Amino acid sequence: MKLLLLAGSREASALAGLLANEAKILTIASLAGVTREPQDLPVQMRIGPFGGRDAFVKYLRDQAFDALIDATHPFAARISKRSVEVAAEMKLAHLQIMRPAWQAGAGDNWIFIASEREAARHIPVGSTVLLATGRQTLQRFDNMSGRYLICRQIESTDGDFPFASGEYLIGHPPFSVEEEIKLFKERGVQWLVVKNAGGMPSQSKLLAARQLGIPVLLINRPPLLDCQRVETAKAAYDWVKGLL
């Protein structure tokens, strides 16, 4: 059986590890290539975008895949939607891995918002804000003038920070709760903005905000798609084995 694994999440990495030694399953992992040094997975890999819907269909057809697993980021809405539609059109077995979203607990001061642009409604002018939402969507905060924005990202970027008040902060996750608390205190962070991506390793910033009493804006996930879905790499592995 030939499987295309749309990677980009921790679950994708874990699933690639489980499938690496399966003699009856040829797994090819695809990464979008948004980082300079893409993660090395223990299966065959392709790096880079497909070039649109038609190119994606052509690749699937030319390579004669039997199954498709979407293990991209919970906010990769475009490729996830395309995967569902194309798999149905081509009659490919399809599965999405979607880890559970974060849920507020005792001591959390969370506000859920629908988009980045809503942040300006809640965060007062003069605030110092840590944007743990990545560089790709930074321009969506262009209505946040008067706040000091700290955009955390994995890699350095060419060019200056796009807004008058703010900076890039380079950091390589995962971070411990203690590291996050230290960062928040040193930088005087008063607000935290995150995407509700879920997952334990990324939760440390939320736990740090809880301990320090820092309010958090969580951007809601895109609507769930109408498709078969599991939450873990192990469940996805069992699904693949069931196709044999």
Protein backbone atom coordinates (compact mmCIF):
# COMPACT_ATOMS: atom_id res chain seq x y z
CA MET A 1 0.00 0.00 0.00
CA LYS A 2 1.19 3.51 -0.78
CA LEU A 3 0.41 6.28 1.70
CA LEU A 4 0.86 10.04 1.47
CA LEU A 5 1.36 11.64 4.87
CA LEU A 6 0.80 15.39 4.88
CA ALA A 7 3.13 16.26 7.73
CA GLY A 8 3.91 19.32 9.82
CA SER A 9 2.74 18.29 13.30
CA ARG A 10 4.17 16.29 16.18
CA GLU A 11 1.59 13.63 15.42
CA ALA A 12 2.93 13.35 11.87
CA SER A 13 6.45 12.80 13.18
CA ALA A 14 5.23 10.14 15.60
CA LEU A 15 3.22 8.39 12.89
CA ALA A 16 6.19 8.41 10.50
CA GLY A 17 8.19 6.67 13.20
CA LEU A 18 5.52 3.99 13.59
CA LEU A 19 5.28 3.40 9.84
CA ALA A 20 8.99 3.51 9.04
CA ASN A 21 9.56 -0.23 9.33
CA GLU A 22 6.28 -1.44 7.84
CA ALA A 23 7.32 -3.52 4.83
CA LYS A 24 3.82 -3.55 3.32
CA ILE A 25 3.33 0.22 3.55
CA LEU A 26 5.30 2.70 1.47
CA THR A 27 4.94 6.03 3.26
CA ILE A 28 5.88 9.33 1.68
CA ALA A 29 5.75 12.35 3.97
CA SER A 30 5.17 15.78 2.47
CA LEU A 31 6.29 18.99 4.18
CA ALA A 32 5.34 22.44 2.95
CA GLY A 33 8.90 23.69 3.40
CA VAL A 34 8.07 26.88 5.29
CA THR A 35 11.21 26.52 7.44
CA ARG A 36 14.79 26.62 6.18
CA GLU A 37 15.62 23.31 7.81
CA PRO A 38 12.60 20.99 7.52
CA GLN A 39 12.34 18.19 10.02
CA ASP A 40 13.95 14.94 8.94
CA LEU A 41 11.45 12.08 9.13
CA PRO A 42 12.28 8.33 8.98
CA VAL A 43 10.30 7.77 5.77
CA GLN A 44 10.60 9.00 2.19
CA MET A 45 10.04 12.75 2.00
CA ARG A 46 9.10 15.48 -0.43
CA ILE A 47 9.56 19.15 0.41
CA GLY A 48 7.66 22.13 -0.94
CA PRO A 49 4.13 23.14 -1.96
CA PHE A 50 2.21 21.15 -4.54
CA GLY A 51 1.38 24.22 -6.60
CA GLY A 52 -2.38 24.28 -6.29
CA ARG A 53 -5.28 21.85 -6.47
CA ASP A 54 -4.67 20.55 -9.98
CA ALA A 55 -1.00 19.89 -9.26
CA PHE A 56 -1.97 18.08 -6.05
CA VAL A 57 -4.40 15.85 -7.95
CA LYS A 58 -1.79 15.14 -10.61
CA TYR A 59 0.80 14.19 -7.99
CA LEU A 60 -1.59 11.81 -6.25
CA ARG A 61 -2.61 10.23 -9.54
CA ASP A 62 0.91 9.96 -10.99
CA GLN A 63 2.26 8.43 -7.79
CA ALA A 64 -0.70 6.02 -7.49
CA PHE A 65 -1.39 6.55 -3.79
CA ASP A 66 -3.93 4.37 -2.03
CA ALA A 67 -4.45 6.47 1.08
CA LEU A 68 -3.97 10.00 2.37
CA ILE A 69 -3.46 11.15 5.95
CA ASP A 70 -3.72 14.82 6.82
CA ALA A 71 -1.45 15.41 9.82
CA THR A 72 -0.83 19.09 9.17
CA HIS A 73 -1.23 21.87 11.74
CA PRO A 74 -4.78 22.33 13.13
CA PHE A 75 -4.84 25.76 11.45
CA ALA A 76 -3.77 24.54 7.99
CA ALA A 77 -7.36 24.94 6.83
CA ARG A 78 -6.75 25.28 3.10
CA ILE A 79 -4.75 22.09 2.58
CA SER A 80 -7.03 20.15 4.95
CA LYS A 81 -10.14 21.18 3.03
CA ARG A 82 -8.46 20.39 -0.27
CA SER A 83 -7.38 16.97 1.01
CA VAL A 84 -10.92 16.01 1.96
CA GLU A 85 -12.32 17.11 -1.40
CA VAL A 86 -9.60 15.52 -3.52
CA ALA A 87 -9.65 12.24 -1.60
CA ALA A 88 -13.41 11.96 -2.14
CA GLU A 89 -13.04 12.80 -5.82
CA MET A 90 -10.27 10.23 -6.33
CA LYS A 91 -11.82 7.66 -3.98
CA LEU A 92 -8.73 7.54 -1.76
CA ALA A 93 -8.91 6.38 1.83
CA HIS A 94 -8.61 9.58 3.90
CA LEU A 95 -7.97 10.33 7.56
CA GLN A 96 -7.30 13.52 9.50
CA ILE A 97 -5.30 13.64 12.72
CA MET A 98 -6.55 16.44 14.95
CA ARG A 99 -5.25 16.70 18.50
CA PRO A 100 -7.72 17.96 21.15
CA ALA A 101 -7.99 21.70 21.59
CA TRP A 102 -6.92 23.31 24.86
CA GLN A 103 -9.56 23.73 27.54
CA ALA A 104 -9.45 26.41 30.23
CA GLY A 105 -8.85 25.30 33.81
CA ALA A 106 -8.97 26.86 37.25
CA GLY A 107 -6.96 30.08 37.34
CA ASP A 108 -6.97 30.67 33.59
CA ASN A 109 -8.04 34.04 32.22
CA TRP A 110 -8.80 33.14 28.62
CA ILE A 111 -10.75 35.00 25.97
CA PHE A 112 -11.62 33.14 22.78
CA ILE A 113 -11.57 35.15 19.55
CA ALA A 114 -12.41 34.26 15.95
CA SER A 115 -9.44 35.95 14.28
CA GLU A 116 -6.22 37.86 14.83
CA ARG A 117 -7.89 41.17 14.07
CA GLU A 118 -10.19 40.82 17.07
CA ALA A 119 -7.20 41.10 19.42
CA ALA A 120 -7.23 44.90 19.20
CA ARG A 121 -10.71 44.96 20.78
CA HIS A 122 -9.41 43.37 23.96
CA ILE A 123 -5.80 44.50 24.42
CA PRO A 124 -5.42 48.09 25.68
CA VAL A 125 -3.09 50.56 24.01
CA GLY A 126 0.26 50.61 25.80
CA SER A 127 0.31 46.87 26.51
CA THR A 128 3.25 44.56 25.86
CA VAL A 129 1.99 41.53 23.94
CA LEU A 130 3.63 38.20 23.16
CA LEU A 131 2.33 36.86 19.86
CA ALA A 132 2.94 33.12 19.89
CA THR A 133 1.10 32.76 16.60
CA GLY A 134 4.02 32.60 14.16
CA ARG A 135 5.41 34.86 11.45
CA GLN A 136 3.02 33.70 8.72
CA THR A 137 0.04 35.58 10.16
CA LEU A 138 1.85 38.56 11.72
CA GLN A 139 0.43 41.04 9.20
CA ARG A 140 -3.06 40.28 10.47
CA PHE A 141 -2.18 42.27 13.61
CA ASP A 142 -1.64 45.48 11.65
CA ASN A 143 -4.50 47.14 13.58
CA MET A 144 -2.58 46.81 16.88
CA SER A 145 -0.81 50.17 16.80
CA GLY A 146 0.07 51.55 20.21
CA ARG A 147 0.95 48.13 21.64
CA TYR A 148 4.44 46.64 21.82
CA LEU A 149 4.28 43.35 19.90
CA ILE A 150 6.80 40.55 20.46
CA CYS A 151 6.49 37.97 17.69
CA ARG A 152 8.11 34.68 18.61
CA GLN A 153 9.35 32.53 15.75
CA ILE A 154 11.68 29.59 15.19
CA GLU A 155 13.97 31.16 12.61
CA SER A 156 15.37 34.62 11.99
CA THR A 157 13.83 36.58 9.15
CA ASP A 158 15.11 39.02 6.57
CA GLY A 159 14.01 42.61 6.93
CA ASP A 160 12.87 44.77 9.81
CA PHE A 161 9.90 44.20 12.06
CA PRO A 162 6.85 45.30 10.03
CA PHE A 163 5.29 47.52 12.69
CA ALA A 164 6.54 50.66 14.41
CA SER A 165 6.54 49.13 17.87
CA GLY A 166 7.73 45.57 18.36
CA GLU A 167 10.37 42.95 17.65
CA TYR A 168 11.01 39.39 16.57
CA LEU A 169 12.03 36.93 19.27
CA ILE A 170 13.82 33.80 18.10
CA GLY A 171 13.13 30.68 20.14
CA HIS A 172 13.27 26.94 19.57
CA PRO A 173 10.48 24.97 21.31
CA PRO A 174 9.62 23.16 23.41
CA PHE A 175 9.92 25.59 26.33
CA SER A 176 9.48 24.68 29.98
CA VAL A 177 7.00 26.52 32.19
CA GLU A 178 9.95 27.99 34.09
CA GLU A 179 11.50 29.29 30.87
CA GLU A 180 8.24 30.89 29.86
CA ILE A 181 7.76 32.53 33.26
CA LYS A 182 11.29 33.94 33.07
CA LEU A 183 10.64 35.29 29.57
CA PHE A 184 7.32 36.89 30.53
CA LYS A 185 8.89 38.62 33.52
CA GLU A 186 12.00 39.80 31.67
CA ARG A 187 10.01 41.22 28.76
CA GLY A 188 7.16 42.59 30.85
CA VAL A 189 4.57 40.61 28.93
CA GLN A 190 1.04 41.70 29.84
CA TRP A 191 -0.96 39.76 27.24
CA LEU A 192 -0.43 36.47 25.42
CA VAL A 193 -1.99 35.66 22.05
CA VAL A 194 -1.97 32.07 20.79
CA LYS A 195 -3.76 29.85 18.31
CA ASN A 196 -5.71 27.08 20.01
CA ALA A 197 -3.44 24.43 18.52
CA GLY A 198 -3.64 22.02 21.46
CA GLY A 199 -0.91 19.64 22.54
CA MET A 200 1.06 19.21 25.75
CA PRO A 201 4.52 20.53 24.68
CA SER A 202 3.06 23.89 23.64
CA GLN A 203 0.93 24.25 26.75
CA SER A 204 3.79 25.57 28.87
CA LYS A 205 3.14 29.19 27.84
CA LEU A 206 -0.47 28.86 28.97
CA LEU A 207 0.57 27.40 32.32
CA ALA A 208 3.06 30.23 32.76
CA ALA A 209 0.38 32.80 31.98
CA ARG A 210 -1.89 31.14 34.55
CA GLN A 211 0.76 31.35 37.27
CA LEU A 212 1.48 35.01 36.50
CA GLY A 213 -2.16 36.02 36.07
CA ILE A 214 -1.61 37.10 32.46
CA PRO A 215 -4.73 37.20 30.27
CA VAL A 216 -4.66 35.06 27.13
CA LEU A 217 -6.40 35.49 23.80
CA LEU A 218 -6.96 32.16 22.06
CA ILE A 219 -7.77 32.17 18.36
CA ASN A 220 -10.41 29.56 17.64
CA ARG A 221 -9.67 26.75 15.22
CA PRO A 222 -11.22 26.62 11.76
CA PRO A 223 -14.50 24.66 11.65
CA LEU A 224 -14.11 20.89 11.68
CA LEU A 225 -14.35 19.21 8.31
CA ASP A 226 -16.73 16.41 7.44
CA CYS A 227 -14.23 13.55 7.42
CA GLN A 228 -12.95 10.61 9.43
CA ARG A 229 -10.77 11.87 12.26
CA VAL A 230 -8.58 10.57 15.08
CA GLU A 231 -6.64 12.39 17.81
CA THR A 232 -3.37 10.47 18.05
CA ALA A 233 -0.61 8.98 15.93
CA LYS A 234 -1.31 5.54 17.40
CA ALA A 235 -4.96 5.69 16.35
CA ALA A 236 -3.89 6.73 12.85
CA TYR A 237 -1.40 3.87 12.72
CA ASP A 238 -4.15 1.41 13.65
CA TRP A 239 -6.33 2.89 10.89
CA VAL A 240 -3.59 2.39 8.31
CA LYS A 241 -3.01 -1.19 9.44
CA GLY A 242 -6.72 -1.80 9.06
CA LEU A 243 -6.50 -0.92 5.37
CA LEU A 244 -4.14 -3.81 4.61
